Amino acid sequence: MARLRKRPELKERLEAVLRICAAEEGELRSADEIEALLIEEMRKLGLTSMQQWAKAAEARVGAQYQEQHPGSYCGKKKR
């Protein structure tokens, strides 16, 4: 739970999956409809997970590079 609190986007995706599984309110849906909804949510979860992983990896690589090359400047070139 502590990890999910640090990653609200992932928490939101997992809560959406749980809402679909609970299906306690609203119209009754067929198994095929529920399956389609779950597949879409899992795709969103995968995308969100990969985006967060990529941000963390980029920050880690950037910090590692700065350690190895302390005099370097990481920024956009002015025109």
Protein backbone atom coordinates (compact mmCIF):
# COMPACT_ATOMS: atom_id res chain seq x y z
CA MET A 1 0.00 0.00 0.00
CA ALA A 2 2.86 2.37 0.75
CA ARG A 3 4.25 1.87 -2.74
CA LEU A 4 0.86 2.53 -4.31
CA ARG A 5 0.54 5.78 -2.35
CA LYS A 6 3.79 6.90 -3.97
CA ARG A 7 2.38 6.06 -7.41
CA PRO A 8 -1.17 7.43 -7.63
CA GLU A 9 -1.46 6.70 -11.36
CA LEU A 10 -0.93 2.98 -10.76
CA LYS A 11 -3.29 3.03 -7.80
CA GLU A 12 -5.98 4.60 -10.00
CA ARG A 13 -5.57 1.89 -12.65
CA LEU A 14 -5.78 -0.91 -10.07
CA GLU A 15 -8.86 0.65 -8.51
CA ALA A 16 -10.50 0.71 -11.94
CA VAL A 17 -9.84 -3.03 -12.30
CA LEU A 18 -11.34 -3.65 -8.87
CA ARG A 19 -14.43 -1.60 -9.74
CA ILE A 20 -14.96 -3.69 -12.86
CA CYS A 21 -14.53 -6.93 -10.91
CA ALA A 22 -16.94 -5.82 -8.18
CA ALA A 23 -19.65 -4.80 -10.67
CA GLU A 24 -22.04 -4.26 -7.77
CA GLU A 25 -23.76 -1.25 -9.24
CA GLY A 26 -25.00 -0.17 -12.64
CA GLU A 27 -26.33 -2.35 -15.39
CA LEU A 28 -25.63 -6.05 -15.50
CA ARG A 29 -23.02 -6.85 -18.15
CA SER A 30 -22.09 -10.02 -19.96
CA ALA A 31 -18.83 -11.86 -19.37
CA ASP A 32 -17.62 -10.70 -22.79
CA GLU A 33 -18.20 -7.05 -21.88
CA ILE A 34 -16.41 -7.44 -18.57
CA GLU A 35 -13.52 -9.19 -20.31
CA ALA A 36 -13.20 -6.34 -22.83
CA LEU A 37 -13.24 -3.76 -20.03
CA LEU A 38 -10.58 -5.67 -18.08
CA ILE A 39 -8.37 -6.04 -21.14
CA GLU A 40 -8.55 -2.29 -21.76
CA GLU A 41 -7.73 -1.51 -18.13
CA MET A 42 -4.80 -3.94 -18.17
CA ARG A 43 -3.45 -2.19 -21.27
CA LYS A 44 -3.73 1.14 -19.48
CA LEU A 45 -2.04 -0.35 -16.42
CA GLY A 46 0.80 -1.65 -18.60
CA LEU A 47 1.23 1.72 -20.30
CA THR A 48 1.23 3.59 -17.00
CA SER A 49 3.70 1.11 -15.51
CA MET A 50 6.07 1.44 -18.46
CA GLN A 51 5.90 5.23 -18.39
CA GLN A 52 6.76 5.31 -14.70
CA TRP A 53 9.56 2.80 -15.18
CA ALA A 54 11.00 4.87 -18.04
CA LYS A 55 10.96 8.08 -15.98
CA ALA A 56 12.75 6.36 -13.10
CA ALA A 57 15.29 4.73 -15.45
CA GLU A 58 15.99 8.06 -17.15
CA ALA A 59 16.57 9.75 -13.80
CA ARG A 60 18.82 6.91 -12.65
CA VAL A 61 20.90 6.99 -15.84
CA GLY A 62 21.14 10.78 -15.69
CA ALA A 63 22.37 10.69 -12.09
CA GLN A 64 24.85 7.96 -12.96
CA TYR A 65 26.17 10.00 -15.90
CA GLN A 66 26.53 13.11 -13.73
CA GLU A 67 28.58 11.09 -11.23
CA GLN A 68 30.87 9.81 -13.96
CA HIS A 69 31.13 13.18 -15.75
CA PRO A 70 30.72 15.91 -13.10
CA GLY A 71 31.66 18.75 -15.44
CA SER A 72 29.07 17.95 -18.07
CA TYR A 73 25.94 20.00 -18.65
CA CYS A 74 22.65 18.32 -19.43
CA GLY A 75 20.38 20.86 -21.02
CA LYS A 76 19.05 22.09 -24.31
CA LYS A 77 21.32 23.90 -26.67
CA LYS A 78 20.47 27.59 -27.01
CA ARG A 79 19.79 28.89 -30.47
